[in-house]
Amino acid sequence: MNIYQAVTMNENDKVAVALKNIEKNSTVELMHKNGKIKVVLLDDIDFGHKFSIVPIKKGEKILKYGEVIGAATRDIGVGEHVHVHNLEGTRGRGDQVG
């Protein structure tokens, strides 16, 4: 039985959510777009936090669970922690539309 360490919920997701604390340099295997992918983490990822599963360019919209959660404030590499240091929220802002 394979125990997954992270999850995505939509085939368009650009980030996965950690289901437990995962150490930097770990290889995480998860289901995405009807298949398994492997991501080597560039940072420690705490339970409930996000990491990139695809390259994300500065200004690009970031999708989690199929929903836009914000925009990248800089380029984000695969396996990087995605949080307030590289993500600007767009929800609830009149000047930013999801």
PDB file of N, CA and C in Angstrom:
ATOM      1  N   MET A   1       0.843  -1.181   0.000  1.00  0.00           N
ATOM      2  CA  MET A   1       0.000   0.000   0.000  1.00  0.00           C
ATOM      3  C   MET A   1       0.888   1.243   0.000  1.00  0.00           C
ATOM      4  N   ASN A   2       0.594   2.188  -0.898  1.00  0.00           N
ATOM      5  CA  ASN A   2       1.379   3.410  -1.014  1.00  0.00           C
ATOM      6  C   ASN A   2       0.706   4.521  -0.209  1.00  0.00           C
ATOM      7  N   ILE A   3       1.418   5.119   0.731  1.00  0.00           N
ATOM      8  CA  ILE A   3       0.896   6.209   1.539  1.00  0.00           C
ATOM      9  C   ILE A   3       1.371   7.522   0.921  1.00  0.00           C
ATOM     10  N   TYR A   4       0.421   8.346   0.484  1.00  0.00           N
ATOM     11  CA  TYR A   4       0.788   9.613  -0.123  1.00  0.00           C
ATOM     12  C   TYR A   4       1.076  10.665   0.937  1.00  0.00           C
ATOM     13  N   GLN A   5       2.044  11.535   0.656  1.00  0.00           N
ATOM     14  CA  GLN A   5       2.453  12.592   1.577  1.00  0.00           C
ATOM     15  C   GLN A   5       1.846  13.938   1.230  1.00  0.00           C
ATOM     16  N   ALA A   6       1.232  14.031   0.059  1.00  0.00           N
ATOM     17  CA  ALA A   6       0.674  15.306  -0.398  1.00  0.00           C
ATOM     18  C   ALA A   6      -0.485  15.023  -1.339  1.00  0.00           C
ATOM     19  N   VAL A   7      -1.290  16.066  -1.568  1.00  0.00           N
ATOM     20  CA  VAL A   7      -2.483  15.882  -2.389  1.00  0.00           C
ATOM     21  C   VAL A   7      -2.729  17.098  -3.279  1.00  0.00           C
ATOM     22  N   THR A   8      -3.272  16.830  -4.468  1.00  0.00           N
ATOM     23  CA  THR A   8      -3.876  17.856  -5.314  1.00  0.00           C
ATOM     24  C   THR A   8      -5.320  17.412  -5.520  1.00  0.00           C
ATOM     25  N   MET A   9      -6.198  18.346  -5.864  1.00  0.00           N
ATOM     26  CA  MET A   9      -7.611  17.998  -6.020  1.00  0.00           C
ATOM     27  C   MET A   9      -8.136  18.267  -7.427  1.00  0.00           C
ATOM     28  N   ASN A  10      -7.346  18.935  -8.252  1.00  0.00           N
ATOM     29  CA  ASN A  10      -7.810  19.335  -9.565  1.00  0.00           C
ATOM     30  C   ASN A  10      -6.656  19.193 -10.547  1.00  0.00           C
ATOM     31  N   GLU A  11      -6.948  18.785 -11.751  1.00  0.00           N
ATOM     32  CA  GLU A  11      -5.878  18.573 -12.738  1.00  0.00           C
ATOM     33  C   GLU A  11      -5.151  19.852 -13.119  1.00  0.00           C
ATOM     34  N   ASN A  12      -5.732  21.016 -12.820  1.00  0.00           N
ATOM     35  CA  ASN A  12      -5.082  22.286 -13.132  1.00  0.00           C
ATOM     36  C   ASN A  12      -4.276  22.859 -11.971  1.00  0.00           C
ATOM     37  N   ASP A  13      -4.296  22.187 -10.816  1.00  0.00           N
ATOM     38  CA  ASP A  13      -3.548  22.682  -9.656  1.00  0.00           C
ATOM     39  C   ASP A  13      -2.072  22.854  -9.991  1.00  0.00           C
ATOM     40  N   LYS A  14      -1.498  23.915  -9.444  1.00  0.00           N
ATOM     41  CA  LYS A  14      -0.074  24.185  -9.626  1.00  0.00           C
ATOM     42  C   LYS A  14       0.706  23.917  -8.351  1.00  0.00           C
ATOM     43  N   VAL A  15      -0.036  23.660  -7.278  1.00  0.00           N
ATOM     44  CA  VAL A  15       0.575  23.340  -5.988  1.00  0.00           C
ATOM     45  C   VAL A  15      -0.077  22.097  -5.414  1.00  0.00           C
ATOM     46  N   ALA A  16       0.661  21.427  -4.532  1.00  0.00           N
ATOM     47  CA  ALA A  16       0.128  20.313  -3.751  1.00  0.00           C
ATOM     48  C   ALA A  16       0.166  20.727  -2.290  1.00  0.00           C
ATOM     49  N   VAL A  17      -0.655  20.074  -1.482  1.00  0.00           N
ATOM     50  CA  VAL A  17      -0.726  20.355  -0.054  1.00  0.00           C
ATOM     51  C   VAL A  17      -0.150  19.168   0.706  1.00  0.00           C
ATOM     52  N   ALA A  18       0.768  19.465   1.633  1.00  0.00           N
ATOM     53  CA  ALA A  18       1.410  18.423   2.427  1.00  0.00           C
ATOM     54  C   ALA A  18       0.431  17.838   3.440  1.00  0.00           C
ATOM     55  N   LEU A  19       0.374  16.510   3.519  1.00  0.00           N
ATOM     56  CA  LEU A  19      -0.485  15.805   4.467  1.00  0.00           C
ATOM     57  C   LEU A  19       0.245  15.487   5.766  1.00  0.00           C
ATOM     58  N   LYS A  20       1.508  15.886   5.834  1.00  0.00           N
ATOM     59  CA  LYS A  20       2.338  15.728   7.028  1.00  0.00           C
ATOM     60  C   LYS A  20       3.556  16.629   6.854  1.00  0.00           C
ATOM     61  N   ASN A  21       4.350  16.799   7.882  1.00  0.00           N
ATOM     62  CA  ASN A  21       5.607  17.537   7.733  1.00  0.00           C
ATOM     63  C   ASN A  21       6.526  16.723   6.830  1.00  0.00           C
ATOM     64  N   ILE A  22       7.132  17.392   5.844  1.00  0.00           N
ATOM     65  CA  ILE A  22       8.020  16.709   4.902  1.00  0.00           C
ATOM     66  C   ILE A  22       9.329  17.477   4.830  1.00  0.00           C
ATOM     67  N   GLU A  23      10.439  16.770   4.945  1.00  0.00           N
ATOM     68  CA  GLU A  23      11.757  17.404   4.961  1.00  0.00           C
ATOM     69  C   GLU A  23      12.244  17.771   3.570  1.00  0.00           C
ATOM     70  N   LYS A  24      13.030  18.840   3.539  1.00  0.00           N
ATOM     71  CA  LYS A  24      13.738  19.278   2.331  1.00  0.00           C
ATOM     72  C   LYS A  24      14.504  18.098   1.743  1.00  0.00           C
ATOM     73  N   ASN A  25      14.586  18.039   0.443  1.00  0.00           N
ATOM     74  CA  ASN A  25      15.272  17.006  -0.332  1.00  0.00           C
ATOM     75  C   ASN A  25      14.514  15.686  -0.405  1.00  0.00           C
ATOM     76  N   SER A  26      13.339  15.601   0.231  1.00  0.00           N
ATOM     77  CA  SER A  26      12.512  14.403   0.111  1.00  0.00           C
ATOM     78  C   SER A  26      11.898  14.355  -1.283  1.00  0.00           C
ATOM     79  N   THR A  27      11.713  13.150  -1.791  1.00  0.00           N
ATOM     80  CA  THR A  27      10.983  12.958  -3.038  1.00  0.00           C
ATOM     81  C   THR A  27       9.559  12.576  -2.687  1.00  0.00           C
ATOM     82  N   VAL A  28       8.623  13.388  -3.158  1.00  0.00           N
ATOM     83  CA  VAL A  28       7.207  13.165  -2.870  1.00  0.00           C
ATOM     84  C   VAL A  28       6.534  12.659  -4.142  1.00  0.00           C
ATOM     85  N   GLU A  29       5.809  11.568  -4.012  1.00  0.00           N
ATOM     86  CA  GLU A  29       5.057  11.013  -5.129  1.00  0.00           C
ATOM     87  C   GLU A  29       3.577  11.313  -4.882  1.00  0.00           C
ATOM     88  N   LEU A  30       2.899  11.819  -5.910  1.00  0.00           N
ATOM     89  CA  LEU A  30       1.478  12.109  -5.759  1.00  0.00           C
ATOM     90  C   LEU A  30       0.760  11.941  -7.078  1.00  0.00           C
ATOM     91  N   MET A  31      -0.547  11.824  -6.991  1.00  0.00           N
ATOM     92  CA  MET A  31      -1.377  11.714  -8.189  1.00  0.00           C
ATOM     93  C   MET A  31      -1.669  13.112  -8.719  1.00  0.00           C
ATOM     94  N   HIS A  32      -1.540  13.271 -10.044  1.00  0.00           N
ATOM     95  CA  HIS A  32      -1.854  14.541 -10.688  1.00  0.00           C
ATOM     96  C   HIS A  32      -2.110  14.276 -12.166  1.00  0.00           C
ATOM     97  N   LYS A  33      -3.183  14.839 -12.671  1.00  0.00           N
ATOM     98  CA  LYS A  33      -3.565  14.680 -14.079  1.00  0.00           C
ATOM     99  C   LYS A  33      -3.599  13.209 -14.494  1.00  0.00           C
ATOM    100  N   ASN A  34      -4.293  12.417 -13.720  1.00  0.00           N
ATOM    101  CA  ASN A  34      -4.512  11.003 -14.014  1.00  0.00           C
ATOM    102  C   ASN A  34      -3.247  10.150 -14.007  1.00  0.00           C
ATOM    103  N   GLY A  35      -2.226  10.606 -13.327  1.00  0.00           N
ATOM    104  CA  GLY A  35      -1.009   9.816 -13.230  1.00  0.00           C
ATOM    105  C   GLY A  35      -0.206  10.208 -12.012  1.00  0.00           C
ATOM    106  N   LYS A  36       0.851   9.453 -11.756  1.00  0.00           N
ATOM    107  CA  LYS A  36       1.731   9.751 -10.627  1.00  0.00           C
ATOM    108  C   LYS A  36       2.855  10.680 -11.083  1.00  0.00           C
ATOM    109  N   ILE A  37       3.177  11.636 -10.234  1.00  0.00           N
ATOM    110  CA  ILE A  37       4.335  12.492 -10.479  1.00  0.00           C
ATOM    111  C   ILE A  37       5.232  12.436  -9.247  1.00  0.00           C
ATOM    112  N   LYS A  38       6.484  12.767  -9.431  1.00  0.00           N
ATOM    113  CA  LYS A  38       7.438  12.841  -8.325  1.00  0.00           C
ATOM    114  C   LYS A  38       8.024  14.238  -8.285  1.00  0.00           C
ATOM    115  N   VAL A  39       8.105  14.794  -7.068  1.00  0.00           N
ATOM    116  CA  VAL A  39       8.642  16.134  -6.870  1.00  0.00           C
ATOM    117  C   VAL A  39       9.686  16.066  -5.765  1.00  0.00           C
ATOM    118  N   VAL A  40      10.869  16.610  -6.014  1.00  0.00           N
ATOM    119  CA  VAL A  40      11.901  16.727  -4.981  1.00  0.00           C
ATOM    120  C   VAL A  40      11.731  18.087  -4.319  1.00  0.00           C
ATOM    121  N   LEU A  41      11.547  18.081  -3.005  1.00  0.00           N
ATOM    122  CA  LEU A  41      11.288  19.323  -2.279  1.00  0.00           C
ATOM    123  C   LEU A  41      12.555  20.133  -2.081  1.00  0.00           C
ATOM    124  N   LEU A  42      12.474  21.413  -2.359  1.00  0.00           N
ATOM    125  CA  LEU A  42      13.602  22.329  -2.202  1.00  0.00           C
ATOM    126  C   LEU A  42      13.618  22.976  -0.819  1.00  0.00           C
ATOM    127  N   ASP A  43      12.518  22.812  -0.077  1.00  0.00           N
ATOM    128  CA  ASP A  43      12.373  23.405   1.259  1.00  0.00           C
ATOM    129  C   ASP A  43      11.677  22.393   2.166  1.00  0.00           C
ATOM    130  N   ASP A  44      11.795  22.591   3.491  1.00  0.00           N
ATOM    131  CA  ASP A  44      10.954  21.856   4.421  1.00  0.00           C
ATOM    132  C   ASP A  44       9.519  22.327   4.208  1.00  0.00           C
ATOM    133  N   ILE A  45       8.576  21.400   4.209  1.00  0.00           N
ATOM    134  CA  ILE A  45       7.170  21.756   4.022  1.00  0.00           C
ATOM    135  C   ILE A  45       6.396  21.230   5.237  1.00  0.00           C
ATOM    136  N   ASP A  46       5.758  22.142   5.958  1.00  0.00           N
ATOM    137  CA  ASP A  46       4.964  21.764   7.121  1.00  0.00           C
ATOM    138  C   ASP A  46       3.600  21.234   6.693  1.00  0.00           C
ATOM    139  N   PHE A  47       3.010  20.426   7.558  1.00  0.00           N
ATOM    140  CA  PHE A  47       1.666  19.913   7.340  1.00  0.00           C
ATOM    141  C   PHE A  47       0.707  21.047   6.957  1.00  0.00           C
ATOM    142  N   GLY A  48      -0.062  20.844   5.892  1.00  0.00           N
ATOM    143  CA  GLY A  48      -1.035  21.835   5.455  1.00  0.00           C
ATOM    144  C   GLY A  48      -0.485  22.925   4.557  1.00  0.00           C
ATOM    145  N   HIS A  49       0.842  22.971   4.401  1.00  0.00           N
ATOM    146  CA  HIS A  49       1.450  23.990   3.549  1.00  0.00           C
ATOM    147  C   HIS A  49       1.558  23.481   2.118  1.00  0.00           C
ATOM    148  N   LYS A  50       1.808  24.417   1.202  1.00  0.00           N
ATOM    149  CA  LYS A  50       1.814  24.135  -0.224  1.00  0.00           C
ATOM    150  C   LYS A  50       3.235  24.123  -0.790  1.00  0.00           C
ATOM    151  N   PHE A  51       3.398  23.335  -1.851  1.00  0.00           N
ATOM    152  CA  PHE A  51       4.626  23.392  -2.635  1.00  0.00           C
ATOM    153  C   PHE A  51       4.271  23.282  -4.106  1.00  0.00           C
ATOM    154  N   SER A  52       5.121  23.872  -4.929  1.00  0.00           N
ATOM    155  CA  SER A  52       4.883  23.915  -6.368  1.00  0.00           C
ATOM    156  C   SER A  52       5.145  22.547  -6.993  1.00  0.00           C
ATOM    157  N   ILE A  53       4.239  22.160  -7.903  1.00  0.00           N
ATOM    158  CA  ILE A  53       4.436  20.909  -8.637  1.00  0.00           C
ATOM    159  C   ILE A  53       4.739  21.172 -10.107  1.00  0.00           C
ATOM    160  N   VAL A  54       4.705  22.435 -10.492  1.00  0.00           N
ATOM    161  CA  VAL A  54       5.073  22.880 -11.841  1.00  0.00           C
ATOM    162  C   VAL A  54       5.832  24.193 -11.698  1.00  0.00           C
ATOM    163  N   PRO A  55       6.641  24.573 -12.674  1.00  0.00           N
ATOM    164  CA  PRO A  55       7.263  25.900 -12.614  1.00  0.00           C
ATOM    165  C   PRO A  55       6.177  26.979 -12.694  1.00  0.00           C
ATOM    166  N   ILE A  56       6.309  28.020 -11.867  1.00  0.00           N
ATOM    167  CA  ILE A  56       5.346  29.116 -11.854  1.00  0.00           C
ATOM    168  C   ILE A  56       6.115  30.413 -12.088  1.00  0.00           C
ATOM    169  N   LYS A  57       5.694  31.181 -13.071  1.00  0.00           N
ATOM    170  CA  LYS A  57       6.355  32.445 -13.410  1.00  0.00           C
ATOM    171  C   LYS A  57       5.809  33.596 -12.573  1.00  0.00           C
ATOM    172  N   LYS A  58       6.635  34.594 -12.340  1.00  0.00           N
ATOM    173  CA  LYS A  58       6.214  35.803 -11.626  1.00  0.00           C
ATOM    174  C   LYS A  58       4.951  36.362 -12.283  1.00  0.00           C
ATOM    175  N   GLY A  59       3.948  36.677 -11.456  1.00  0.00           N
ATOM    176  CA  GLY A  59       2.696  37.234 -11.941  1.00  0.00           C
ATOM    177  C   GLY A  59       1.661  36.194 -12.338  1.00  0.00           C
ATOM    178  N   GLU A  60       2.082  34.950 -12.476  1.00  0.00           N
ATOM    179  CA  GLU A  60       1.164  33.884 -12.879  1.00  0.00           C
ATOM    180  C   GLU A  60       0.200  33.542 -11.743  1.00  0.00           C
ATOM    181  N   LYS A  61      -1.039  33.224 -12.101  1.00  0.00           N
ATOM    182  CA  LYS A  61      -2.030  32.809 -11.118  1.00  0.00           C
ATOM    183  C   LYS A  61      -1.684  31.421 -10.586  1.00  0.00           C
ATOM    184  N   ILE A  62      -1.880  31.242  -9.285  1.00  0.00           N
ATOM    185  CA  ILE A  62      -1.587  29.971  -8.627  1.00  0.00           C
ATOM    186  C   ILE A  62      -2.910  29.301  -8.279  1.00  0.00           C
ATOM    187  N   LEU A  63      -3.059  28.055  -8.725  1.00  0.00           N
ATOM    188  CA  LEU A  63      -4.285  27.307  -8.470  1.00  0.00           C
ATOM    189  C   LEU A  63      -4.056  26.208  -7.432  1.00  0.00           C
ATOM    190  N   LYS A  64      -4.995  26.151  -6.469  1.00  0.00           N
ATOM    191  CA  LYS A  64      -5.020  25.116  -5.434  1.00  0.00           C
ATOM    192  C   LYS A  64      -6.461  24.634  -5.355  1.00  0.00           C
ATOM    193  N   TYR A  65      -6.670  23.335  -5.410  1.00  0.00           N
ATOM    194  CA  TYR A  65      -8.022  22.759  -5.406  1.00  0.00           C
ATOM    195  C   TYR A  65      -8.862  23.318  -6.556  1.00  0.00           C
ATOM    196  N   GLY A  66      -8.214  23.680  -7.661  1.00  0.00           N
ATOM    197  CA  GLY A  66      -8.909  24.189  -8.829  1.00  0.00           C
ATOM    198  C   GLY A  66      -9.310  25.650  -8.752  1.00  0.00           C
ATOM    199  N   GLU A  67      -8.921  26.327  -7.685  1.00  0.00           N
ATOM    200  CA  GLU A  67      -9.287  27.727  -7.475  1.00  0.00           C
ATOM    201  C   GLU A  67      -8.042  28.604  -7.451  1.00  0.00           C
ATOM    202  N   VAL A  68      -8.162  29.826  -7.970  1.00  0.00           N
ATOM    203  CA  VAL A  68      -7.060  30.782  -7.905  1.00  0.00           C
ATOM    204  C   VAL A  68      -6.917  31.257  -6.462  1.00  0.00           C
ATOM    205  N   ILE A  69      -5.728  31.097  -5.897  1.00  0.00           N
ATOM    206  CA  ILE A  69      -5.483  31.534  -4.518  1.00  0.00           C
ATOM    207  C   ILE A  69      -4.595  32.757  -4.464  1.00  0.00           C
ATOM    208  N   GLY A  70      -4.072  33.180  -5.608  1.00  0.00           N
ATOM    209  CA  GLY A  70      -3.216  34.347  -5.649  1.00  0.00           C
ATOM    210  C   GLY A  70      -2.321  34.322  -6.872  1.00  0.00           C
ATOM    211  N   ALA A  71      -1.324  35.207  -6.851  1.00  0.00           N
ATOM    212  CA  ALA A  71      -0.374  35.319  -7.950  1.00  0.00           C
ATOM    213  C   ALA A  71       1.047  35.259  -7.393  1.00  0.00           C
ATOM    214  N   ALA A  72       1.938  34.695  -8.173  1.00  0.00           N
ATOM    215  CA  ALA A  72       3.339  34.584  -7.771  1.00  0.00           C
ATOM    216  C   ALA A  72       4.000  35.957  -7.781  1.00  0.00           C
ATOM    217  N   THR A  73       4.719  36.283  -6.707  1.00  0.00           N
ATOM    218  CA  THR A  73       5.441  37.553  -6.642  1.00  0.00           C
ATOM    219  C   THR A  73       6.839  37.434  -7.238  1.00  0.00           C
ATOM    220  N   ARG A  74       7.239  36.205  -7.550  1.00  0.00           N
ATOM    221  CA  ARG A  74       8.518  35.925  -8.212  1.00  0.00           C
ATOM    222  C   ARG A  74       8.403  34.557  -8.860  1.00  0.00           C
ATOM    223  N   ASP A  75       9.375  34.179  -9.673  1.00  0.00           N
ATOM    224  CA  ASP A  75       9.382  32.834 -10.242  1.00  0.00           C
ATOM    225  C   ASP A  75       9.506  31.824  -9.103  1.00  0.00           C
ATOM    226  N   ILE A  76       8.768  30.725  -9.226  1.00  0.00           N
ATOM    227  CA  ILE A  76       8.768  29.667  -8.206  1.00  0.00           C
ATOM    228  C   ILE A  76       9.108  28.351  -8.894  1.00  0.00           C
ATOM    229  N   GLY A  77      10.137  27.693  -8.413  1.00  0.00           N
ATOM    230  CA  GLY A  77      10.559  26.433  -9.002  1.00  0.00           C
ATOM    231  C   GLY A  77       9.782  25.247  -8.454  1.00  0.00           C
ATOM    232  N   VAL A  78       9.803  24.147  -9.193  1.00  0.00           N
ATOM    233  CA  VAL A  78       9.158  22.913  -8.755  1.00  0.00           C
ATOM    234  C   VAL A  78       9.789  22.467  -7.433  1.00  0.00           C
ATOM    235  N   GLY A  79       8.940  22.173  -6.459  1.00  0.00           N
ATOM    236  CA  GLY A  79       9.406  21.708  -5.156  1.00  0.00           C
ATOM    237  C   GLY A  79       9.599  22.806  -4.129  1.00  0.00           C
ATOM    238  N   GLU A  80       9.378  24.060  -4.525  1.00  0.00           N
ATOM    239  CA  GLU A  80       9.524  25.177  -3.583  1.00  0.00           C
ATOM    240  C   GLU A  80       8.281  25.358  -2.741  1.00  0.00           C
ATOM    241  N   HIS A  81       8.489  25.786  -1.503  1.00  0.00           N
ATOM    242  CA  HIS A  81       7.401  26.158  -0.605  1.00  0.00           C
ATOM    243  C   HIS A  81       6.673  27.349  -1.217  1.00  0.00           C
ATOM    244  N   VAL A  82       5.345  27.303  -1.244  1.00  0.00           N
ATOM    245  CA  VAL A  82       4.543  28.414  -1.755  1.00  0.00           C
ATOM    246  C   VAL A  82       3.774  28.984  -0.575  1.00  0.00           C
ATOM    247  N   HIS A  83       4.073  30.233  -0.242  1.00  0.00           N
ATOM    248  CA  HIS A  83       3.485  30.868   0.935  1.00  0.00           C
ATOM    249  C   HIS A  83       3.594  32.386   0.766  1.00  0.00           C
ATOM    250  N   VAL A  84       3.424  33.134   1.833  1.00  0.00           N
ATOM    251  CA  VAL A  84       3.380  34.602   1.761  1.00  0.00           C
ATOM    252  C   VAL A  84       4.667  35.229   1.223  1.00  0.00           C
ATOM    253  N   HIS A  85       5.793  34.519   1.254  1.00  0.00           N
ATOM    254  CA  HIS A  85       7.053  35.076   0.756  1.00  0.00           C
ATOM    255  C   HIS A  85       7.134  35.089  -0.770  1.00  0.00           C
ATOM    256  N   ASN A  86       6.245  34.329  -1.448  1.00  0.00           N
ATOM    257  CA  ASN A  86       6.279  34.301  -2.913  1.00  0.00           C
ATOM    258  C   ASN A  86       4.883  34.241  -3.544  1.00  0.00           C
ATOM    259  N   LEU A  87       3.857  34.497  -2.728  1.00  0.00           N
ATOM    260  CA  LEU A  87       2.471  34.464  -3.172  1.00  0.00           C
ATOM    261  C   LEU A  87       1.729  35.678  -2.637  1.00  0.00           C
ATOM    262  N   GLU A  88       1.067  36.389  -3.534  1.00  0.00           N
ATOM    263  CA  GLU A  88       0.234  37.515  -3.122  1.00  0.00           C
ATOM    264  C   GLU A  88      -1.218  37.118  -3.346  1.00  0.00           C
ATOM    265  N   GLY A  89      -2.011  37.172  -2.285  1.00  0.00           N
ATOM    266  CA  GLY A  89      -3.417  36.829  -2.387  1.00  0.00           C
ATOM    267  C   GLY A  89      -4.160  37.810  -3.261  1.00  0.00           C
ATOM    268  N   THR A  90      -5.144  37.306  -4.006  1.00  0.00           N
ATOM    269  CA  THR A  90      -5.957  38.170  -4.863  1.00  0.00           C
ATOM    270  C   THR A  90      -7.426  38.135  -4.467  1.00  0.00           C
ATOM    271  N   ARG A  91      -7.803  37.233  -3.590  1.00  0.00           N
ATOM    272  CA  ARG A  91      -9.205  37.124  -3.176  1.00  0.00           C
ATOM    273  C   ARG A  91      -9.620  38.338  -2.365  1.00  0.00           C
ATOM    274  N   GLY A  92     -10.820  38.823  -2.650  1.00  0.00           N
ATOM    275  CA  GLY A  92     -11.368  39.945  -1.896  1.00  0.00           C
ATOM    276  C   GLY A  92     -10.811  41.301  -2.294  1.00  0.00           C
ATOM    277  N   ARG A  93      -9.951  41.342  -3.293  1.00  0.00           N
ATOM    278  CA  ARG A  93      -9.380  42.611  -3.746  1.00  0.00           C
ATOM    279  C   ARG A  93     -10.162  43.080  -4.966  1.00  0.00           C
ATOM    280  N   GLY A  94     -10.617  44.306  -4.922  1.00  0.00           N
ATOM    281  CA  GLY A  94     -11.356  44.859  -6.044  1.00  0.00           C
ATOM    282  C   GLY A  94     -10.506  45.082  -7.280  1.00  0.00           C
ATOM    283  N   ASP A  95      -9.188  45.246  -7.076  1.00  0.00           N
ATOM    284  CA  ASP A  95      -8.305  45.508  -8.211  1.00  0.00           C
ATOM    285  C   ASP A  95      -7.780  44.213  -8.840  1.00  0.00           C
ATOM    286  N   GLN A  96      -8.057  43.072  -8.219  1.00  0.00           N
ATOM    287  CA  GLN A  96      -7.587  41.789  -8.739  1.00  0.00           C
ATOM    288  C   GLN A  96      -8.794  40.863  -8.881  1.00  0.00           C
ATOM    289  N   VAL A  97      -8.996  40.349 -10.056  1.00  0.00           N
ATOM    290  CA  VAL A  97     -10.096  39.414 -10.262  1.00  0.00           C
ATOM    291  C   VAL A  97      -9.517  38.040 -10.468  1.00  0.00           C
ATOM    292  N   GLY A  98      -9.970  37.050  -9.637  1.00  0.00           N
ATOM    293  CA  GLY A  98      -9.496  35.668  -9.654  1.00  0.00           C
ATOM    294  C   GLY A  98      -9.333  35.151 -11.019  1.00  0.00           C
TER     295      GLY A  98
END
